[in-house]
Amino acid sequence: MRHRHARRAGPEGGESRSFIPANSEAESVSKGLEYAIDDWCIAQMARKLGKADDYAYFSKRAQKL
């Protein structure tokens, strides 16, 4: 399944890194934590809905930060 989820803000979209550099964005630590929690919540919803692909994708992404 192809995912067309919005890229995160930050240098190079933030997708290529597992963190948000402090010198590139204000409140980088809290934003990183917020992104991880958002991804975890989406993964849990996907699991409840039986969307195994989305569950795996967001679970993995939630653990990046």
Protein backbone atom coordinates (compact mmCIF):
# COMPACT_ATOMS: atom_id res chain seq x y z
CA MET A 1 0.00 0.00 0.00
CA ARG A 2 1.33 3.46 -0.91
CA HIS A 3 1.19 6.09 1.77
CA ARG A 4 0.58 9.69 0.80
CA HIS A 5 0.93 11.28 4.20
CA ALA A 6 2.00 14.87 4.62
CA ARG A 7 5.70 15.40 5.08
CA ARG A 8 6.74 16.97 8.32
CA ALA A 9 8.02 20.50 8.48
CA GLY A 10 11.72 21.15 8.83
CA PRO A 11 14.86 20.79 6.75
CA GLU A 12 14.44 18.34 3.90
CA GLY A 13 10.93 17.64 5.19
CA GLY A 14 12.27 15.87 8.28
CA GLU A 15 11.55 12.43 6.83
CA SER A 16 15.16 11.58 6.08
CA ARG A 17 16.24 12.11 9.70
CA SER A 18 15.19 10.47 12.92
CA PHE A 19 15.27 13.80 14.77
CA ILE A 20 14.67 17.53 14.34
CA PRO A 21 17.93 19.46 14.75
CA ALA A 22 17.72 22.10 17.51
CA ASN A 23 19.54 24.68 15.40
CA SER A 24 17.05 24.44 12.53
CA GLU A 25 13.69 24.78 14.23
CA ALA A 26 12.35 26.33 17.43
CA GLU A 27 10.98 23.91 20.03
CA SER A 28 12.45 20.96 18.14
CA VAL A 29 12.30 18.57 21.11
CA SER A 30 8.63 19.17 21.85
CA LYS A 31 7.73 18.99 18.15
CA GLY A 32 9.59 15.71 17.77
CA LEU A 33 7.80 14.25 20.76
CA GLU A 34 4.45 15.50 19.47
CA TYR A 35 5.07 13.87 16.07
CA ALA A 36 5.95 10.55 17.73
CA ILE A 37 2.82 10.62 19.90
CA ASP A 38 0.65 11.54 16.90
CA ASP A 39 2.07 8.62 14.90
CA TRP A 40 1.54 6.23 17.81
CA CYS A 41 -2.09 7.32 18.15
CA ILE A 42 -2.69 6.89 14.43
CA ALA A 43 -1.13 3.42 14.62
CA GLN A 44 -3.45 2.42 17.46
CA MET A 45 -6.50 3.63 15.53
CA ALA A 46 -5.34 1.74 12.43
CA ARG A 47 -4.92 -1.42 14.53
CA LYS A 48 -8.47 -1.11 15.87
CA LEU A 49 -9.78 -0.62 12.32
CA GLY A 50 -7.91 -3.68 11.05
CA LYS A 51 -5.56 -1.67 8.79
CA ALA A 52 -2.41 -3.76 9.26
CA ASP A 53 -0.32 -1.85 6.66
CA ASP A 54 -1.07 1.51 8.25
CA TYR A 55 -0.50 0.09 11.73
CA ALA A 56 2.96 -1.18 10.76
CA TYR A 57 3.87 2.05 8.94
CA PHE A 58 2.88 4.41 11.76
CA SER A 59 4.23 2.15 14.52
CA LYS A 60 7.63 2.16 12.85
CA ARG A 61 7.49 5.91 12.22
CA ALA A 62 6.51 6.59 15.86
CA GLN A 63 9.71 4.89 17.02
CA LYS A 64 11.98 7.07 14.87
CA LEU A 65 12.19 9.89 17.42
